[in-house]
Protein backbone atom coordinates (compact mmCIF):
# COMPACT_ATOMS: atom_id res chain seq x y z
CA THR A 1 -75.04 70.37 -15.58
CA ILE A 2 -72.42 72.73 -14.24
CA LYS A 3 -69.95 71.51 -11.69
CA ILE A 4 -67.59 73.98 -10.10
CA THR A 5 -64.49 72.41 -8.71
CA ASN A 6 -61.18 73.45 -7.08
CA LYS A 7 -59.25 71.20 -9.40
CA ILE A 8 -55.80 72.53 -10.15
CA LEU A 9 -54.11 71.70 -13.46
CA GLU A 10 -50.34 71.86 -13.30
CA GLU A 11 -48.01 72.57 -16.24
CA HIS A 12 -44.35 71.52 -15.95
CA SER A 13 -41.58 72.52 -18.28
CA LYS A 14 -37.84 72.11 -18.61
CA ARG A 15 -37.38 75.27 -16.62
CA GLN A 16 -39.03 73.53 -13.68
CA LEU A 17 -41.67 76.25 -13.56
CA VAL A 18 -45.04 75.13 -12.28
CA THR A 19 -48.11 77.09 -13.25
CA LYS A 20 -51.43 76.23 -11.63
CA PHE A 21 -54.69 76.76 -13.51
CA LYS A 22 -58.21 76.61 -11.91
CA SER A 23 -60.86 74.99 -13.99
CA VAL A 24 -64.67 74.38 -14.00
CA VAL A 25 -66.42 71.33 -15.39
CA ILE A 26 -69.57 71.91 -17.49
CA GLY A 27 -71.15 68.70 -18.45
CA THR A 28 -68.32 66.66 -20.01
CA GLN A 29 -66.09 69.56 -20.80
CA GLU A 30 -63.44 71.13 -18.58
CA TRP A 31 -62.77 74.91 -18.97
CA MET A 32 -60.10 77.17 -17.50
CA THR A 33 -61.56 79.93 -15.25
CA GLU A 34 -59.19 82.55 -16.73
CA ASN A 35 -57.29 83.18 -19.88
CA LEU A 36 -54.13 81.18 -20.47
CA SER A 37 -51.09 83.18 -19.32
CA VAL A 38 -47.79 81.55 -20.27
CA LYS A 39 -44.61 82.74 -21.95
CA PHE A 40 -42.87 79.40 -22.50
CA PHE A 41 -43.80 76.26 -24.44
CA ARG A 42 -43.87 72.93 -22.53
CA ASN A 43 -40.31 72.16 -23.74
CA GLY A 44 -39.04 75.34 -22.14
CA ASP A 45 -38.62 77.38 -25.38
CA PRO A 46 -39.82 80.98 -25.05
CA ILE A 47 -42.99 82.06 -26.87
CA PRO A 48 -42.17 85.27 -28.80
CA VAL A 49 -43.86 88.43 -27.66
CA ALA A 50 -45.73 90.62 -30.08
CA LYS A 51 -45.28 94.17 -28.85
CA THR A 52 -47.23 95.90 -31.58
CA LYS A 53 -50.45 95.33 -33.52
CA GLU A 54 -48.36 94.86 -36.63
CA GLU A 55 -46.18 92.14 -34.98
CA TRP A 56 -49.37 90.33 -33.74
CA THR A 57 -50.93 90.55 -37.22
CA LYS A 58 -47.80 89.26 -38.90
CA ALA A 59 -47.58 86.29 -36.44
CA GLY A 60 -51.15 85.31 -37.25
CA ARG A 61 -50.69 85.73 -40.94
CA THR A 62 -47.53 83.59 -41.06
CA GLY A 63 -48.66 81.03 -38.56
CA GLN A 64 -45.96 81.84 -36.01
CA PRO A 65 -46.60 81.49 -32.27
CA ALA A 66 -46.76 84.75 -30.23
CA TRP A 67 -48.33 86.19 -27.11
CA CYS A 68 -49.16 89.79 -26.26
CA TYR A 69 -50.70 91.92 -23.55
CA TYR A 70 -54.31 93.07 -24.03
CA ASP A 71 -54.24 96.29 -26.03
CA ASN A 72 -50.39 96.03 -25.88
CA LYS A 73 -50.42 97.44 -22.33
CA SER A 74 -48.31 95.47 -19.86
CA GLY A 75 -49.85 97.13 -16.83
CA ASP A 76 -53.31 95.70 -17.43
């Protein structure tokens, strides 16, 4: 069973930023309708940006948090 809803999930942080995420419920699971797009952890600390493929690979290899733009292109 797929149930499409207009449910909004809100994320609050120390910075008092509110990000709204739309979701869809499929059976007993709830899925976001788009990729997660945040630059801060819930406690307000920034998530480091990986600006190159090498930085992204290193973050994954060392278990460090990071975010990046698709194909390292900020305009996409």
